[in-house]
Amino acid sequence: MPPPDAQLLAGERLAQVRAAVARLDAPCREVVELRYFGDLSYEEISATLRLNVKTVSSRLSKCLDRLEQLARGIFAGDTAGVFPSNR
């Protein structure tokens, strides 16, 4: 079992990741949640959302790029999720 401080840190990071996911637009949030929280394959996401598998792959890639931007801002303490270079 990890020490209490490690458990607390892991919980805080999970909350930050969830906050970043919540900032995604609905189509992005949906595909990210299905893939990483629902643990669905691309084929299962394709069937669920009635999209082509290649569309799922492309959307997920773009959405993960956006999620990375948002997460970096949140982890850095920037509540707007914007990098100084983008202002």
C-alpha atoms as a PDB file:
ATOM      1  CA  MET A   1       0.000   0.000   0.000  1.00  0.00           C
ATOM      2  CA  PRO A   2       1.410   3.426  -0.890  1.00  0.00           C
ATOM      3  CA  PRO A   3       1.992   5.897   1.930  1.00  0.00           C
ATOM      4  CA  PRO A   4      -0.826   8.360   2.714  1.00  0.00           C
ATOM      5  CA  ASP A   5       0.950  11.310   1.081  1.00  0.00           C
ATOM      6  CA  ALA A   6       1.343   9.354  -2.166  1.00  0.00           C
ATOM      7  CA  GLN A   7      -2.336   8.401  -2.050  1.00  0.00           C
ATOM      8  CA  LEU A   8      -3.297  12.041  -1.530  1.00  0.00           C
ATOM      9  CA  LEU A   9      -1.106  13.167  -4.420  1.00  0.00           C
ATOM     10  CA  ALA A  10      -2.579  10.500  -6.707  1.00  0.00           C
ATOM     11  CA  GLY A  11      -6.085  11.609  -5.759  1.00  0.00           C
ATOM     12  CA  GLU A  12      -5.257  15.247  -6.466  1.00  0.00           C
ATOM     13  CA  ARG A  13      -3.776  14.359  -9.860  1.00  0.00           C
ATOM     14  CA  LEU A  14      -6.826  12.318 -10.769  1.00  0.00           C
ATOM     15  CA  ALA A  15      -9.027  15.304  -9.861  1.00  0.00           C
ATOM     16  CA  GLN A  16      -6.874  17.543 -12.068  1.00  0.00           C
ATOM     17  CA  VAL A  17      -7.108  15.129 -14.997  1.00  0.00           C
ATOM     18  CA  ARG A  18     -10.878  14.919 -14.550  1.00  0.00           C
ATOM     19  CA  ALA A  19     -11.035  18.746 -14.496  1.00  0.00           C
ATOM     20  CA  ALA A  20      -9.133  18.861 -17.786  1.00  0.00           C
ATOM     21  CA  VAL A  21     -11.444  16.254 -19.345  1.00  0.00           C
ATOM     22  CA  ALA A  22     -14.468  18.255 -18.168  1.00  0.00           C
ATOM     23  CA  ARG A  23     -13.173  21.277 -20.118  1.00  0.00           C
ATOM     24  CA  LEU A  24     -13.195  19.394 -23.407  1.00  0.00           C
ATOM     25  CA  ASP A  25     -16.095  19.987 -25.784  1.00  0.00           C
ATOM     26  CA  ALA A  26     -18.750  17.251 -25.765  1.00  0.00           C
ATOM     27  CA  PRO A  27     -17.505  15.158 -28.741  1.00  0.00           C
ATOM     28  CA  CYS A  28     -13.954  15.130 -27.363  1.00  0.00           C
ATOM     29  CA  ARG A  29     -15.023  14.412 -23.806  1.00  0.00           C
ATOM     30  CA  GLU A  30     -17.193  11.552 -25.019  1.00  0.00           C
ATOM     31  CA  VAL A  31     -14.503   9.787 -27.057  1.00  0.00           C
ATOM     32  CA  VAL A  32     -11.821  10.270 -24.348  1.00  0.00           C
ATOM     33  CA  GLU A  33     -14.116   8.969 -21.609  1.00  0.00           C
ATOM     34  CA  LEU A  34     -15.147   5.948 -23.643  1.00  0.00           C
ATOM     35  CA  ARG A  35     -11.533   5.072 -24.460  1.00  0.00           C
ATOM     36  CA  TYR A  36      -9.812   5.719 -21.140  1.00  0.00           C
ATOM     37  CA  PHE A  37     -12.513   5.571 -18.473  1.00  0.00           C
ATOM     38  CA  GLY A  38     -14.733   3.044 -20.260  1.00  0.00           C
ATOM     39  CA  ASP A  39     -11.747   1.073 -21.591  1.00  0.00           C
ATOM     40  CA  LEU A  40     -13.471   0.556 -24.955  1.00  0.00           C
ATOM     41  CA  SER A  41     -11.575  -0.392 -28.099  1.00  0.00           C
ATOM     42  CA  TYR A  42     -11.675   1.823 -31.184  1.00  0.00           C
ATOM     43  CA  GLU A  43     -14.107  -0.649 -32.738  1.00  0.00           C
ATOM     44  CA  GLU A  44     -16.405  -0.502 -29.698  1.00  0.00           C
ATOM     45  CA  ILE A  45     -16.300   3.305 -29.679  1.00  0.00           C
ATOM     46  CA  SER A  46     -17.026   3.264 -33.415  1.00  0.00           C
ATOM     47  CA  ALA A  47     -20.123   1.135 -32.857  1.00  0.00           C
ATOM     48  CA  THR A  48     -21.265   3.164 -29.839  1.00  0.00           C
ATOM     49  CA  LEU A  49     -20.929   6.540 -31.548  1.00  0.00           C
ATOM     50  CA  ARG A  50     -21.826   5.259 -35.033  1.00  0.00           C
ATOM     51  CA  LEU A  51     -18.582   6.585 -36.470  1.00  0.00           C
ATOM     52  CA  ASN A  52     -15.986   5.106 -38.790  1.00  0.00           C
ATOM     53  CA  VAL A  53     -13.031   3.590 -36.900  1.00  0.00           C
ATOM     54  CA  LYS A  54     -10.674   5.990 -38.693  1.00  0.00           C
ATOM     55  CA  THR A  55     -12.837   8.913 -37.545  1.00  0.00           C
ATOM     56  CA  VAL A  56     -12.607   7.649 -33.975  1.00  0.00           C
ATOM     57  CA  SER A  57      -8.827   7.401 -34.273  1.00  0.00           C
ATOM     58  CA  SER A  58      -8.498  10.874 -35.764  1.00  0.00           C
ATOM     59  CA  ARG A  59     -10.875  12.470 -33.258  1.00  0.00           C
ATOM     60  CA  LEU A  60      -9.160  10.796 -30.340  1.00  0.00           C
ATOM     61  CA  SER A  61      -5.764  12.008 -31.507  1.00  0.00           C
ATOM     62  CA  LYS A  62      -6.952  15.609 -31.855  1.00  0.00           C
ATOM     63  CA  CYS A  63      -8.811  15.455 -28.566  1.00  0.00           C
ATOM     64  CA  LEU A  64      -5.781  14.100 -26.713  1.00  0.00           C
ATOM     65  CA  ASP A  65      -3.734  17.011 -28.058  1.00  0.00           C
ATOM     66  CA  ARG A  66      -6.343  19.410 -26.698  1.00  0.00           C
ATOM     67  CA  LEU A  67      -6.503  17.521 -23.408  1.00  0.00           C
ATOM     68  CA  GLU A  68      -2.735  17.806 -23.056  1.00  0.00           C
ATOM     69  CA  GLN A  69      -2.955  21.591 -23.461  1.00  0.00           C
ATOM     70  CA  LEU A  70      -5.695  21.841 -20.869  1.00  0.00           C
ATOM     71  CA  ALA A  71      -3.948  19.503 -18.431  1.00  0.00           C
ATOM     72  CA  ARG A  72      -0.679  21.397 -18.666  1.00  0.00           C
ATOM     73  CA  GLY A  73      -2.483  24.591 -17.742  1.00  0.00           C
ATOM     74  CA  ILE A  74      -4.290  22.949 -14.836  1.00  0.00           C
ATOM     75  CA  PHE A  75      -1.170  21.213 -13.504  1.00  0.00           C
ATOM     76  CA  ALA A  76       0.693  24.525 -13.728  1.00  0.00           C
ATOM     77  CA  GLY A  77      -2.054  26.197 -11.695  1.00  0.00           C
ATOM     78  CA  ASP A  78      -3.477  28.227 -14.581  1.00  0.00           C
ATOM     79  CA  THR A  79      -7.247  28.036 -14.126  1.00  0.00           C
ATOM     80  CA  ALA A  80      -7.860  29.234 -17.682  1.00  0.00           C
ATOM     81  CA  GLY A  81      -5.789  26.374 -19.104  1.00  0.00           C
ATOM     82  CA  VAL A  82      -3.900  28.759 -21.399  1.00  0.00           C
ATOM     83  CA  PHE A  83      -0.163  28.802 -21.962  1.00  0.00           C
ATOM     84  CA  PRO A  84       1.593  32.162 -21.670  1.00  0.00           C
ATOM     85  CA  SER A  85       2.876  31.695 -25.233  1.00  0.00           C
ATOM     86  CA  ASN A  86      -0.713  31.508 -26.482  1.00  0.00           C
ATOM     87  CA  ARG A  87      -1.936  34.735 -24.912  1.00  0.00           C
END
